[in-house]
């Protein structure tokens, strides 16, 4: 007998009540795995040492720091409201400039991947 409150295929996911919007935006597991994989490689290369995540009603943000007391060296933002426009993913640089926008996380992370290749050489 199945539990009355569980929906098949949604184990471990937070689901909003029918007719209500989600309370906050978050990263899905494959997205977070890709982001943390890049973070781990940047830590191994000595580029980053700390990170922070922020979740609110409009956006989910991942920020990577060289030192904890500084502003983030890179900030990745997911805004689902922009999905049909320029893309829900935005990569910001250290000074707040937009480095890349797009619909695909892998393409938006490409500038950081290139930076990692330079750091390894």
PDB file of N, CA and C in Angstrom:
ATOM      1  N   UNK A   1       0.833  -1.173   0.000  1.00  0.00           N
ATOM      2  CA  UNK A   1       0.000   0.000   0.000  1.00  0.00           C
ATOM      3  C   UNK A   1       0.884   1.244   0.000  1.00  0.00           C
ATOM      4  N   UNK A   2       0.608   2.184  -0.929  1.00  0.00           N
ATOM      5  CA  UNK A   2       1.391   3.405  -1.052  1.00  0.00           C
ATOM      6  C   UNK A   2       0.959   4.420  -0.003  1.00  0.00           C
ATOM      7  N   UNK A   3       1.907   5.278   0.366  1.00  0.00           N
ATOM      8  CA  UNK A   3       1.565   6.357   1.287  1.00  0.00           C
ATOM      9  C   UNK A   3       0.670   7.354   0.570  1.00  0.00           C
ATOM     10  N   UNK A   4      -0.316   7.874   1.262  1.00  0.00           N
ATOM     11  CA  UNK A   4      -1.291   8.766   0.641  1.00  0.00           C
ATOM     12  C   UNK A   4      -0.675  10.087   0.188  1.00  0.00           C
ATOM     13  N   UNK A   5       0.372  10.578   0.856  1.00  0.00           N
ATOM     14  CA  UNK A   5       0.938  11.880   0.535  1.00  0.00           C
ATOM     15  C   UNK A   5       2.049  11.851  -0.499  1.00  0.00           C
ATOM     16  N   UNK A   6       2.428  10.699  -1.009  1.00  0.00           N
ATOM     17  CA  UNK A   6       3.537  10.613  -1.942  1.00  0.00           C
ATOM     18  C   UNK A   6       3.030  10.481  -3.366  1.00  0.00           C
ATOM     19  N   UNK A   7       3.738  11.136  -4.274  1.00  0.00           N
ATOM     20  CA  UNK A   7       3.428  11.058  -5.690  1.00  0.00           C
ATOM     21  C   UNK A   7       4.518  10.239  -6.351  1.00  0.00           C
ATOM     22  N   UNK A   8       4.179   9.213  -7.160  1.00  0.00           N
ATOM     23  CA  UNK A   8       5.212   8.400  -7.808  1.00  0.00           C
ATOM     24  C   UNK A   8       6.119   9.259  -8.673  1.00  0.00           C
ATOM     25  N   UNK A   9       7.431   9.006  -8.618  1.00  0.00           N
ATOM     26  CA  UNK A   9       8.410   9.713  -9.434  1.00  0.00           C
ATOM     27  C   UNK A   9       8.862  11.040  -8.854  1.00  0.00           C
ATOM     28  N   UNK A  10       8.348  11.458  -7.735  1.00  0.00           N
ATOM     29  CA  UNK A  10       8.718  12.734  -7.151  1.00  0.00           C
ATOM     30  C   UNK A  10       9.354  12.584  -5.779  1.00  0.00           C
ATOM     31  N   UNK A  11       9.923  11.446  -5.507  1.00  0.00           N
ATOM     32  CA  UNK A  11      10.539  11.211  -4.204  1.00  0.00           C
ATOM     33  C   UNK A  11      11.666  12.210  -3.971  1.00  0.00           C
ATOM     34  N   UNK A  12      11.654  12.845  -2.832  1.00  0.00           N
ATOM     35  CA  UNK A  12      12.720  13.771  -2.464  1.00  0.00           C
ATOM     36  C   UNK A  12      12.571  15.167  -3.025  1.00  0.00           C
ATOM     37  N   UNK A  13      11.522  15.461  -3.785  1.00  0.00           N
ATOM     38  CA  UNK A  13      11.330  16.790  -4.344  1.00  0.00           C
ATOM     39  C   UNK A  13      10.262  17.531  -3.557  1.00  0.00           C
ATOM     40  N   UNK A  14      10.448  18.833  -3.417  1.00  0.00           N
ATOM     41  CA  UNK A  14       9.451  19.664  -2.766  1.00  0.00           C
ATOM     42  C   UNK A  14       8.466  20.097  -3.841  1.00  0.00           C
ATOM     43  N   UNK A  15       7.199  19.830  -3.608  1.00  0.00           N
ATOM     44  CA  UNK A  15       6.168  20.159  -4.583  1.00  0.00           C
ATOM     45  C   UNK A  15       5.210  21.159  -3.941  1.00  0.00           C
ATOM     46  N   UNK A  16       4.922  22.245  -4.664  1.00  0.00           N
ATOM     47  CA  UNK A  16       3.995  23.253  -4.152  1.00  0.00           C
ATOM     48  C   UNK A  16       2.572  22.701  -4.185  1.00  0.00           C
ATOM     49  N   UNK A  17       1.736  23.235  -3.317  1.00  0.00           N
ATOM     50  CA  UNK A  17       0.332  22.852  -3.339  1.00  0.00           C
ATOM     51  C   UNK A  17      -0.257  23.213  -4.690  1.00  0.00           C
ATOM     52  N   UNK A  18      -1.233  22.452  -5.172  1.00  0.00           N
ATOM     53  CA  UNK A  18      -1.865  22.779  -6.458  1.00  0.00           C
ATOM     54  C   UNK A  18      -2.423  24.202  -6.436  1.00  0.00           C
ATOM     55  N   UNK A  19      -2.151  24.931  -7.495  1.00  0.00           N
ATOM     56  CA  UNK A  19      -2.645  26.292  -7.599  1.00  0.00           C
ATOM     57  C   UNK A  19      -1.754  27.340  -6.953  1.00  0.00           C
ATOM     58  N   UNK A  20      -0.677  26.923  -6.305  1.00  0.00           N
ATOM     59  CA  UNK A  20       0.245  27.870  -5.670  1.00  0.00           C
ATOM     60  C   UNK A  20       1.604  27.804  -6.344  1.00  0.00           C
ATOM     61  N   UNK A  21       2.220  28.944  -6.483  1.00  0.00           N
ATOM     62  CA  UNK A  21       3.573  29.002  -7.029  1.00  0.00           C
ATOM     63  C   UNK A  21       4.568  28.527  -5.971  1.00  0.00           C
ATOM     64  N   UNK A  22       5.717  28.061  -6.428  1.00  0.00           N
ATOM     65  CA  UNK A  22       6.764  27.626  -5.505  1.00  0.00           C
ATOM     66  C   UNK A  22       7.241  28.823  -4.678  1.00  0.00           C
ATOM     67  N   UNK A  23       7.618  28.571  -3.433  1.00  0.00           N
ATOM     68  CA  UNK A  23       8.050  29.630  -2.532  1.00  0.00           C
ATOM     69  C   UNK A  23       9.438  30.180  -2.879  1.00  0.00           C
ATOM     70  N   UNK A  24      10.268  29.353  -3.518  1.00  0.00           N
ATOM     71  CA  UNK A  24      11.609  29.805  -3.870  1.00  0.00           C
ATOM     72  C   UNK A  24      12.109  29.031  -5.077  1.00  0.00           C
ATOM     73  N   UNK A  25      13.075  29.612  -5.752  1.00  0.00           N
ATOM     74  CA  UNK A  25      13.729  28.977  -6.891  1.00  0.00           C
ATOM     75  C   UNK A  25      14.937  28.223  -6.357  1.00  0.00           C
ATOM     76  N   UNK A  26      15.197  27.045  -6.888  1.00  0.00           N
ATOM     77  CA  UNK A  26      16.351  26.260  -6.463  1.00  0.00           C
ATOM     78  C   UNK A  26      17.037  25.620  -7.648  1.00  0.00           C
ATOM     79  N   UNK A  27      18.153  24.978  -7.384  1.00  0.00           N
ATOM     80  CA  UNK A  27      18.870  24.239  -8.419  1.00  0.00           C
ATOM     81  C   UNK A  27      18.382  22.799  -8.415  1.00  0.00           C
ATOM     82  N   UNK A  28      18.215  22.231  -9.586  1.00  0.00           N
ATOM     83  CA  UNK A  28      17.899  20.811  -9.681  1.00  0.00           C
ATOM     84  C   UNK A  28      19.186  20.031  -9.462  1.00  0.00           C
ATOM     85  N   UNK A  29      19.061  18.772  -9.122  1.00  0.00           N
ATOM     86  CA  UNK A  29      20.230  17.953  -8.795  1.00  0.00           C
ATOM     87  C   UNK A  29      21.286  17.933  -9.908  1.00  0.00           C
ATOM     88  N   UNK A  30      20.941  17.695 -11.184  1.00  0.00           N
ATOM     89  CA  UNK A  30      21.995  17.694 -12.225  1.00  0.00           C
ATOM     90  C   UNK A  30      22.669  19.059 -12.377  1.00  0.00           C
ATOM     91  N   UNK A  31      21.908  20.145 -12.213  1.00  0.00           N
ATOM     92  CA  UNK A  31      22.490  21.481 -12.296  1.00  0.00           C
ATOM     93  C   UNK A  31      23.484  21.699 -11.162  1.00  0.00           C
ATOM     94  N   UNK A  32      23.086  21.355  -9.960  1.00  0.00           N
ATOM     95  CA  UNK A  32      23.952  21.538  -8.802  1.00  0.00           C
ATOM     96  C   UNK A  32      25.201  20.658  -8.903  1.00  0.00           C
ATOM     97  N   UNK A  33      25.042  19.444  -9.408  1.00  0.00           N
ATOM     98  CA  UNK A  33      26.209  18.562  -9.580  1.00  0.00           C
ATOM     99  C   UNK A  33      27.205  19.173 -10.554  1.00  0.00           C
ATOM    100  N   UNK A  34      26.711  19.755 -11.643  1.00  0.00           N
ATOM    101  CA  UNK A  34      27.604  20.370 -12.634  1.00  0.00           C
ATOM    102  C   UNK A  34      28.315  21.587 -12.036  1.00  0.00           C
ATOM    103  N   UNK A  35      27.574  22.402 -11.292  1.00  0.00           N
ATOM    104  CA  UNK A  35      28.151  23.598 -10.674  1.00  0.00           C
ATOM    105  C   UNK A  35      29.202  23.205  -9.639  1.00  0.00           C
ATOM    106  N   UNK A  36      28.893  22.248  -8.781  1.00  0.00           N
ATOM    107  CA  UNK A  36      29.840  21.839  -7.739  1.00  0.00           C
ATOM    108  C   UNK A  36      31.039  21.092  -8.314  1.00  0.00           C
ATOM    109  N   UNK A  37      30.861  20.423  -9.452  1.00  0.00           N
ATOM    110  CA  UNK A  37      31.991  19.786 -10.125  1.00  0.00           C
ATOM    111  C   UNK A  37      32.989  20.850 -10.594  1.00  0.00           C
ATOM    112  N   UNK A  38      32.484  21.908 -11.213  1.00  0.00           N
ATOM    113  CA  UNK A  38      33.351  23.012 -11.629  1.00  0.00           C
ATOM    114  C   UNK A  38      34.005  23.654 -10.409  1.00  0.00           C
ATOM    115  N   UNK A  39      33.231  23.868  -9.347  1.00  0.00           N
ATOM    116  CA  UNK A  39      33.776  24.462  -8.124  1.00  0.00           C
ATOM    117  C   UNK A  39      34.926  23.608  -7.577  1.00  0.00           C
ATOM    118  N   UNK A  40      34.742  22.302  -7.526  1.00  0.00           N
ATOM    119  CA  UNK A  40      35.785  21.410  -7.015  1.00  0.00           C
ATOM    120  C   UNK A  40      37.058  21.470  -7.838  1.00  0.00           C
ATOM    121  N   UNK A  41      36.899  21.547  -9.149  1.00  0.00           N
ATOM    122  CA  UNK A  41      38.090  21.637 -10.005  1.00  0.00           C
ATOM    123  C   UNK A  41      38.790  22.983  -9.853  1.00  0.00           C
ATOM    124  N   UNK A  42      38.017  24.054  -9.643  1.00  0.00           N
ATOM    125  CA  UNK A  42      38.622  25.373  -9.435  1.00  0.00           C
ATOM    126  C   UNK A  42      39.330  25.432  -8.069  1.00  0.00           C
ATOM    127  N   UNK A  43      38.789  24.774  -7.069  1.00  0.00           N
ATOM    128  CA  UNK A  43      39.457  24.686  -5.764  1.00  0.00           C
ATOM    129  C   UNK A  43      40.771  23.928  -5.921  1.00  0.00           C
ATOM    130  N   UNK A  44      40.747  22.822  -6.651  1.00  0.00           N
ATOM    131  CA  UNK A  44      41.966  22.027  -6.855  1.00  0.00           C
ATOM    132  C   UNK A  44      43.028  22.826  -7.603  1.00  0.00           C
ATOM    133  N   UNK A  45      42.595  23.738  -8.481  1.00  0.00           N
ATOM    134  CA  UNK A  45      43.536  24.570  -9.228  1.00  0.00           C
ATOM    135  C   UNK A  45      43.991  25.785  -8.419  1.00  0.00           C
ATOM    136  N   UNK A  46      43.426  25.987  -7.224  1.00  0.00           N
ATOM    137  CA  UNK A  46      43.820  27.104  -6.373  1.00  0.00           C
ATOM    138  C   UNK A  46      43.130  28.413  -6.707  1.00  0.00           C
ATOM    139  N   UNK A  47      42.110  28.395  -7.547  1.00  0.00           N
ATOM    140  CA  UNK A  47      41.416  29.613  -7.946  1.00  0.00           C
ATOM    141  C   UNK A  47      40.353  30.044  -6.938  1.00  0.00           C
ATOM    142  N   UNK A  48      39.598  29.107  -6.410  1.00  0.00           N
ATOM    143  CA  UNK A  48      38.502  29.418  -5.493  1.00  0.00           C
ATOM    144  C   UNK A  48      38.732  28.725  -4.166  1.00  0.00           C
ATOM    145  N   UNK A  49      38.191  29.317  -3.084  1.00  0.00           N
ATOM    146  CA  UNK A  49      38.321  28.713  -1.758  1.00  0.00           C
ATOM    147  C   UNK A  49      37.005  28.611  -0.997  1.00  0.00           C
ATOM    148  N   UNK A  50      35.981  29.332  -1.443  1.00  0.00           N
ATOM    149  CA  UNK A  50      34.728  29.338  -0.697  1.00  0.00           C
ATOM    150  C   UNK A  50      33.578  29.576  -1.662  1.00  0.00           C
ATOM    151  N   UNK A  51      32.377  29.215  -1.242  1.00  0.00           N
ATOM    152  CA  UNK A  51      31.198  29.494  -2.057  1.00  0.00           C
ATOM    153  C   UNK A  51      30.011  29.821  -1.170  1.00  0.00           C
ATOM    154  N   UNK A  52      28.997  30.402  -1.790  1.00  0.00           N
ATOM    155  CA  UNK A  52      27.752  30.720  -1.092  1.00  0.00           C
ATOM    156  C   UNK A  52      26.603  30.498  -2.054  1.00  0.00           C
ATOM    157  N   UNK A  53      25.466  30.075  -1.502  1.00  0.00           N
ATOM    158  CA  UNK A  53      24.266  29.916  -2.314  1.00  0.00           C
ATOM    159  C   UNK A  53      23.151  30.726  -1.680  1.00  0.00           C
ATOM    160  N   UNK A  54      22.311  31.275  -2.525  1.00  0.00           N
ATOM    161  CA  UNK A  54      21.180  32.057  -2.069  1.00  0.00           C
ATOM    162  C   UNK A  54      19.952  31.656  -2.878  1.00  0.00           C
ATOM    163  N   UNK A  55      18.821  31.505  -2.196  1.00  0.00           N
ATOM    164  CA  UNK A  55      17.587  31.102  -2.856  1.00  0.00           C
ATOM    165  C   UNK A  55      16.478  32.052  -2.428  1.00  0.00           C
ATOM    166  N   UNK A  56      15.775  32.626  -3.392  1.00  0.00           N
ATOM    167  CA  UNK A  56      14.617  33.434  -3.062  1.00  0.00           C
ATOM    168  C   UNK A  56      13.501  33.156  -4.060  1.00  0.00           C
ATOM    169  N   UNK A  57      12.472  33.962  -4.020  1.00  0.00           N
ATOM    170  CA  UNK A  57      11.295  33.735  -4.842  1.00  0.00           C
ATOM    171  C   UNK A  57      11.587  33.869  -6.339  1.00  0.00           C
ATOM    172  N   UNK A  58      12.542  34.719  -6.721  1.00  0.00           N
ATOM    173  CA  UNK A  58      12.804  35.017  -8.126  1.00  0.00           C
ATOM    174  C   UNK A  58      14.027  34.327  -8.708  1.00  0.00           C
ATOM    175  N   UNK A  59      15.012  34.030  -7.878  1.00  0.00           N
ATOM    176  CA  UNK A  59      16.279  33.530  -8.408  1.00  0.00           C
ATOM    177  C   UNK A  59      17.007  32.641  -7.405  1.00  0.00           C
ATOM    178  N   UNK A  60      17.839  31.781  -7.964  1.00  0.00           N
ATOM    179  CA  UNK A  60      18.796  30.988  -7.184  1.00  0.00           C
ATOM    180  C   UNK A  60      20.183  31.440  -7.622  1.00  0.00           C
ATOM    181  N   UNK A  61      21.075  31.662  -6.653  1.00  0.00           N
ATOM    182  CA  UNK A  61      22.398  32.201  -6.956  1.00  0.00           C
ATOM    183  C   UNK A  61      23.482  31.341  -6.326  1.00  0.00           C
ATOM    184  N   UNK A  62      24.554  31.105  -7.095  1.00  0.00           N
ATOM    185  CA  UNK A  62      25.746  30.421  -6.614  1.00  0.00           C
ATOM    186  C   UNK A  62      26.903  31.393  -6.811  1.00  0.00           C
ATOM    187  N   UNK A  63      27.619  31.718  -5.750  1.00  0.00           N
ATOM    188  CA  UNK A  63      28.751  32.642  -5.824  1.00  0.00           C
ATOM    189  C   UNK A  63      30.014  31.926  -5.367  1.00  0.00           C
ATOM    190  N   UNK A  64      31.107  32.126  -6.103  1.00  0.00           N
ATOM    191  CA  UNK A  64      32.399  31.516  -5.765  1.00  0.00           C
ATOM    192  C   UNK A  64      33.399  32.614  -5.413  1.00  0.00           C
ATOM    193  N   UNK A  65      34.150  32.376  -4.351  1.00  0.00           N
ATOM    194  CA  UNK A  65      35.080  33.374  -3.820  1.00  0.00           C
ATOM    195  C   UNK A  65      36.510  32.854  -3.827  1.00  0.00           C
ATOM    196  N   UNK A  66      37.443  33.764  -4.077  1.00  0.00           N
ATOM    197  CA  UNK A  66      38.860  33.443  -3.894  1.00  0.00           C
ATOM    198  C   UNK A  66      39.185  33.466  -2.411  1.00  0.00           C
ATOM    199  N   UNK A  67      38.672  34.468  -1.708  1.00  0.00           N
ATOM    200  CA  UNK A  67      38.758  34.556  -0.255  1.00  0.00           C
ATOM    201  C   UNK A  67      37.372  34.912   0.263  1.00  0.00           C
ATOM    202  N   UNK A  68      37.038  34.453   1.439  1.00  0.00           N
ATOM    203  CA  UNK A  68      35.682  34.634   1.964  1.00  0.00           C
ATOM    204  C   UNK A  68      35.327  36.098   2.215  1.00  0.00           C
ATOM    205  N   UNK A  69      36.318  36.943   2.475  1.00  0.00           N
ATOM    206  CA  UNK A  69      36.045  38.332   2.815  1.00  0.00           C
ATOM    207  C   UNK A  69      35.879  39.233   1.597  1.00  0.00           C
ATOM    208  N   UNK A  70      36.026  38.714   0.404  1.00  0.00           N
ATOM    209  CA  UNK A  70      35.946  39.518  -0.806  1.00  0.00           C
ATOM    210  C   UNK A  70      34.578  39.415  -1.460  1.00  0.00           C
ATOM    211  N   UNK A  71      34.416  40.175  -2.530  1.00  0.00           N
ATOM    212  CA  UNK A  71      33.230  39.987  -3.356  1.00  0.00           C
ATOM    213  C   UNK A  71      33.453  38.740  -4.207  1.00  0.00           C
ATOM    214  N   UNK A  72      32.387  38.111  -4.689  1.00  0.00           N
ATOM    215  CA  UNK A  72      32.569  36.856  -5.433  1.00  0.00           C
ATOM    216  C   UNK A  72      33.351  37.055  -6.731  1.00  0.00           C
ATOM    217  N   UNK A  73      34.200  36.102  -7.029  1.00  0.00           N
ATOM    218  CA  UNK A  73      34.954  36.133  -8.278  1.00  0.00           C
ATOM    219  C   UNK A  73      34.049  35.787  -9.442  1.00  0.00           C
ATOM    220  N   UNK A  74      33.059  34.946  -9.197  1.00  0.00           N
ATOM    221  CA  UNK A  74      32.069  34.585 -10.215  1.00  0.00           C
ATOM    222  C   UNK A  74      30.742  34.349  -9.506  1.00  0.00           C
ATOM    223  N   UNK A  75      29.657  34.709 -10.203  1.00  0.00           N
ATOM    224  CA  UNK A  75      28.323  34.498  -9.641  1.00  0.00           C
ATOM    225  C   UNK A  75      27.427  33.966 -10.743  1.00  0.00           C
ATOM    226  N   UNK A  76      26.781  32.850 -10.479  1.00  0.00           N
ATOM    227  CA  UNK A  76      25.882  32.204 -11.432  1.00  0.00           C
ATOM    228  C   UNK A  76      24.460  32.363 -10.904  1.00  0.00           C
ATOM    229  N   UNK A  77      23.576  32.818 -11.771  1.00  0.00           N
ATOM    230  CA  UNK A  77      22.208  33.095 -11.356  1.00  0.00           C
ATOM    231  C   UNK A  77      21.223  32.357 -12.252  1.00  0.00           C
ATOM    232  N   UNK A  78      20.226  31.753 -11.630  1.00  0.00           N
ATOM    233  CA  UNK A  78      19.155  31.064 -12.353  1.00  0.00           C
ATOM    234  C   UNK A  78      17.859  31.825 -12.102  1.00  0.00           C
ATOM    235  N   UNK A  79      17.288  32.401 -13.172  1.00  0.00           N
ATOM    236  CA  UNK A  79      16.024  33.135 -13.089  1.00  0.00           C
ATOM    237  C   UNK A  79      15.034  32.521 -14.069  1.00  0.00           C
ATOM    238  N   UNK A  80      14.169  31.624 -13.598  1.00  0.00           N
ATOM    239  CA  UNK A  80      13.212  30.968 -14.494  1.00  0.00           C
ATOM    240  C   UNK A  80      12.276  31.928 -15.224  1.00  0.00           C
ATOM    241  N   UNK A  81      12.032  33.119 -14.694  1.00  0.00           N
ATOM    242  CA  UNK A  81      11.162  34.085 -15.363  1.00  0.00           C
ATOM    243  C   UNK A  81      11.736  34.522 -16.711  1.00  0.00           C
ATOM    244  N   UNK A  82      13.063  34.406 -16.885  1.00  0.00           N
ATOM    245  CA  UNK A  82      13.713  34.806 -18.141  1.00  0.00           C
ATOM    246  C   UNK A  82      13.883  33.639 -19.110  1.00  0.00           C
ATOM    247  N   UNK A  83      13.296  32.494 -18.793  1.00  0.00           N
ATOM    248  CA  UNK A  83      13.455  31.286 -19.603  1.00  0.00           C
ATOM    249  C   UNK A  83      13.093  31.527 -21.073  1.00  0.00           C
ATOM    250  N   UNK A  84      12.000  32.227 -21.332  1.00  0.00           N
ATOM    251  CA  UNK A  84      11.552  32.421 -22.709  1.00  0.00           C
ATOM    252  C   UNK A  84      12.178  33.645 -23.372  1.00  0.00           C
ATOM    253  N   UNK A  85      12.970  34.404 -22.644  1.00  0.00           N
ATOM    254  CA  UNK A  85      13.608  35.595 -23.208  1.00  0.00           C
ATOM    255  C   UNK A  85      15.065  35.293 -23.540  1.00  0.00           C
ATOM    256  N   UNK A  86      16.006  35.870 -22.803  1.00  0.00           N
ATOM    257  CA  UNK A  86      17.424  35.662 -23.110  1.00  0.00           C
ATOM    258  C   UNK A  86      18.000  34.411 -22.470  1.00  0.00           C
ATOM    259  N   UNK A  87      17.223  33.686 -21.709  1.00  0.00           N
ATOM    260  CA  UNK A  87      17.704  32.473 -21.049  1.00  0.00           C
ATOM    261  C   UNK A  87      17.740  32.667 -19.546  1.00  0.00           C
ATOM    262  N   UNK A  88      17.490  31.588 -18.821  1.00  0.00           N
ATOM    263  CA  UNK A  88      17.392  31.726 -17.368  1.00  0.00           C
ATOM    264  C   UNK A  88      18.737  31.712 -16.663  1.00  0.00           C
ATOM    265  N   UNK A  89      19.833  31.390 -17.342  1.00  0.00           N
ATOM    266  CA  UNK A  89      21.154  31.336 -16.719  1.00  0.00           C
ATOM    267  C   UNK A  89      21.948  32.590 -17.059  1.00  0.00           C
ATOM    268  N   UNK A  90      22.595  33.178 -16.044  1.00  0.00           N
ATOM    269  CA  UNK A  90      23.468  34.339 -16.247  1.00  0.00           C
ATOM    270  C   UNK A  90      24.725  34.148 -15.411  1.00  0.00           C
ATOM    271  N   UNK A  91      25.875  34.390 -16.021  1.00  0.00           N
ATOM    272  CA  UNK A  91      27.165  34.333 -15.337  1.00  0.00           C
ATOM    273  C   UNK A  91      27.691  35.756 -15.216  1.00  0.00           C
ATOM    274  N   UNK A  92      27.944  36.176 -13.980  1.00  0.00           N
ATOM    275  CA  UNK A  92      28.470  37.514 -13.709  1.00  0.00           C
ATOM    276  C   UNK A  92      29.931  37.407 -13.309  1.00  0.00           C
ATOM    277  N   UNK A  93      30.728  38.398 -13.685  1.00  0.00           N
ATOM    278  CA  UNK A  93      32.123  38.461 -13.298  1.00  0.00           C
ATOM    279  C   UNK A  93      32.291  39.123 -11.944  1.00  0.00           C
ATOM    280  N   UNK A  94      33.543  39.341 -11.571  1.00  0.00           N
ATOM    281  CA  UNK A  94      33.861  39.881 -10.248  1.00  0.00           C
ATOM    282  C   UNK A  94      33.309  41.283 -10.027  1.00  0.00           C
ATOM    283  N   UNK A  95      33.236  42.076 -11.063  1.00  0.00           N
ATOM    284  CA  UNK A  95      32.772  43.457 -10.921  1.00  0.00           C
ATOM    285  C   UNK A  95      31.318  43.627 -11.333  1.00  0.00           C
ATOM    286  N   UNK A  96      30.585  42.520 -11.464  1.00  0.00           N
ATOM    287  CA  UNK A  96      29.170  42.585 -11.773  1.00  0.00           C
ATOM    288  C   UNK A  96      28.832  42.587 -13.252  1.00  0.00           C
ATOM    289  N   UNK A  97      29.841  42.521 -14.101  1.00  0.00           N
ATOM    290  CA  UNK A  97      29.580  42.520 -15.535  1.00  0.00           C
ATOM    291  C   UNK A  97      29.015  41.162 -15.968  1.00  0.00           C
ATOM    292  N   UNK A  98      28.122  41.168 -16.932  1.00  0.00           N
ATOM    293  CA  UNK A  98      27.547  39.924 -17.447  1.00  0.00           C
ATOM    294  C   UNK A  98      28.560  39.293 -18.397  1.00  0.00           C
ATOM    295  N   UNK A  99      29.029  38.099 -18.047  1.00  0.00           N
ATOM    296  CA  UNK A  99      29.986  37.391 -18.891  1.00  0.00           C
ATOM    297  C   UNK A  99      29.288  36.536 -19.935  1.00  0.00           C
ATOM    298  N   UNK A 100      28.157  35.945 -19.552  1.00  0.00           N
ATOM    299  CA  UNK A 100      27.460  35.038 -20.475  1.00  0.00           C
ATOM    300  C   UNK A 100      26.026  34.871 -20.013  1.00  0.00           C
ATOM    301  N   UNK A 101      25.113  34.786 -20.970  1.00  0.00           N
ATOM    302  CA  UNK A 101      23.701  34.484 -20.716  1.00  0.00           C
ATOM    303  C   UNK A 101      23.283  33.385 -21.644  1.00  0.00           C
ATOM    304  N   UNK A 102      22.318  32.593 -21.218  1.00  0.00           N
ATOM    305  CA  UNK A 102      21.850  31.561 -22.122  1.00  0.00           C
ATOM    306  C   UNK A 102      20.820  30.632 -21.526  1.00  0.00           C
ATOM    307  N   UNK A 103      20.395  29.701 -22.375  1.00  0.00           N
ATOM    308  CA  UNK A 103      19.393  28.714 -21.997  1.00  0.00           C
ATOM    309  C   UNK A 103      20.023  27.432 -21.469  1.00  0.00           C
ATOM    310  N   UNK A 104      21.297  27.196 -21.802  1.00  0.00           N
ATOM    311  CA  UNK A 104      21.972  25.952 -21.444  1.00  0.00           C
ATOM    312  C   UNK A 104      23.069  26.232 -20.422  1.00  0.00           C
ATOM    313  N   UNK A 105      23.034  25.523 -19.298  1.00  0.00           N
ATOM    314  CA  UNK A 105      24.005  25.730 -18.226  1.00  0.00           C
ATOM    315  C   UNK A 105      25.438  25.486 -18.690  1.00  0.00           C
ATOM    316  N   UNK A 106      25.659  24.456 -19.479  1.00  0.00           N
ATOM    317  CA  UNK A 106      27.018  24.133 -19.935  1.00  0.00           C
ATOM    318  C   UNK A 106      27.622  25.278 -20.741  1.00  0.00           C
ATOM    319  N   UNK A 107      26.842  25.892 -21.623  1.00  0.00           N
ATOM    320  CA  UNK A 107      27.349  27.012 -22.426  1.00  0.00           C
ATOM    321  C   UNK A 107      27.622  28.243 -21.576  1.00  0.00           C
ATOM    322  N   UNK A 108      26.810  28.462 -20.556  1.00  0.00           N
ATOM    323  CA  UNK A 108      27.003  29.623 -19.687  1.00  0.00           C
ATOM    324  C   UNK A 108      28.244  29.440 -18.815  1.00  0.00           C
ATOM    325  N   UNK A 109      28.551  28.223 -18.434  1.00  0.00           N
ATOM    326  CA  UNK A 109      29.743  27.961 -17.617  1.00  0.00           C
ATOM    327  C   UNK A 109      31.035  27.904 -18.440  1.00  0.00           C
ATOM    328  N   UNK A 110      30.943  27.952 -19.762  1.00  0.00           N
ATOM    329  CA  UNK A 110      32.113  27.822 -20.633  1.00  0.00           C
ATOM    330  C   UNK A 110      33.232  28.824 -20.313  1.00  0.00           C
ATOM    331  N   UNK A 111      32.955  30.113 -20.042  1.00  0.00           N
ATOM    332  CA  UNK A 111      34.066  31.016 -19.700  1.00  0.00           C
ATOM    333  C   UNK A 111      34.834  30.579 -18.454  1.00  0.00           C
ATOM    334  N   UNK A 112      34.156  30.013 -17.475  1.00  0.00           N
ATOM    335  CA  UNK A 112      34.835  29.515 -16.273  1.00  0.00           C
ATOM    336  C   UNK A 112      35.650  28.263 -16.591  1.00  0.00           C
ATOM    337  N   UNK A 113      35.140  27.430 -17.477  1.00  0.00           N
ATOM    338  CA  UNK A 113      35.889  26.237 -17.898  1.00  0.00           C
ATOM    339  C   UNK A 113      37.181  26.659 -18.598  1.00  0.00           C
ATOM    340  N   UNK A 114      37.104  27.697 -19.443  1.00  0.00           N
ATOM    341  CA  UNK A 114      38.309  28.187 -20.126  1.00  0.00           C
ATOM    342  C   UNK A 114      39.302  28.761 -19.124  1.00  0.00           C
ATOM    343  N   UNK A 115      38.794  29.466 -18.104  1.00  0.00           N
ATOM    344  CA  UNK A 115      39.671  30.014 -17.065  1.00  0.00           C
ATOM    345  C   UNK A 115      40.376  28.897 -16.322  1.00  0.00           C
ATOM    346  N   UNK A 116      39.657  27.790 -16.106  1.00  0.00           N
ATOM    347  CA  UNK A 116      40.244  26.633 -15.427  1.00  0.00           C
ATOM    348  C   UNK A 116      41.380  26.051 -16.262  1.00  0.00           C
ATOM    349  N   UNK A 117      41.193  25.966 -17.572  1.00  0.00           N
ATOM    350  CA  UNK A 117      42.246  25.435 -18.436  1.00  0.00           C
ATOM    351  C   UNK A 117      43.488  26.315 -18.393  1.00  0.00           C
ATOM    352  N   UNK A 118      43.316  27.633 -18.344  1.00  0.00           N
ATOM    353  CA  UNK A 118      44.455  28.542 -18.242  1.00  0.00           C
ATOM    354  C   UNK A 118      45.165  28.383 -16.891  1.00  0.00           C
ATOM    355  N   UNK A 119      44.390  28.176 -15.822  1.00  0.00           N
ATOM    356  CA  UNK A 119      44.968  28.039 -14.488  1.00  0.00           C
ATOM    357  C   UNK A 119      45.778  26.757 -14.367  1.00  0.00           C
ATOM    358  N   UNK A 120      45.351  25.700 -15.057  1.00  0.00           N
ATOM    359  CA  UNK A 120      46.048  24.419 -14.986  1.00  0.00           C
ATOM    360  C   UNK A 120      47.369  24.466 -15.758  1.00  0.00           C
ATOM    361  N   UNK A 121      47.390  25.236 -16.869  1.00  0.00           N
ATOM    362  CA  UNK A 121      48.616  25.318 -17.677  1.00  0.00           C
ATOM    363  C   UNK A 121      49.680  26.041 -16.997  1.00  0.00           C
TER     364      UNK A 121
END
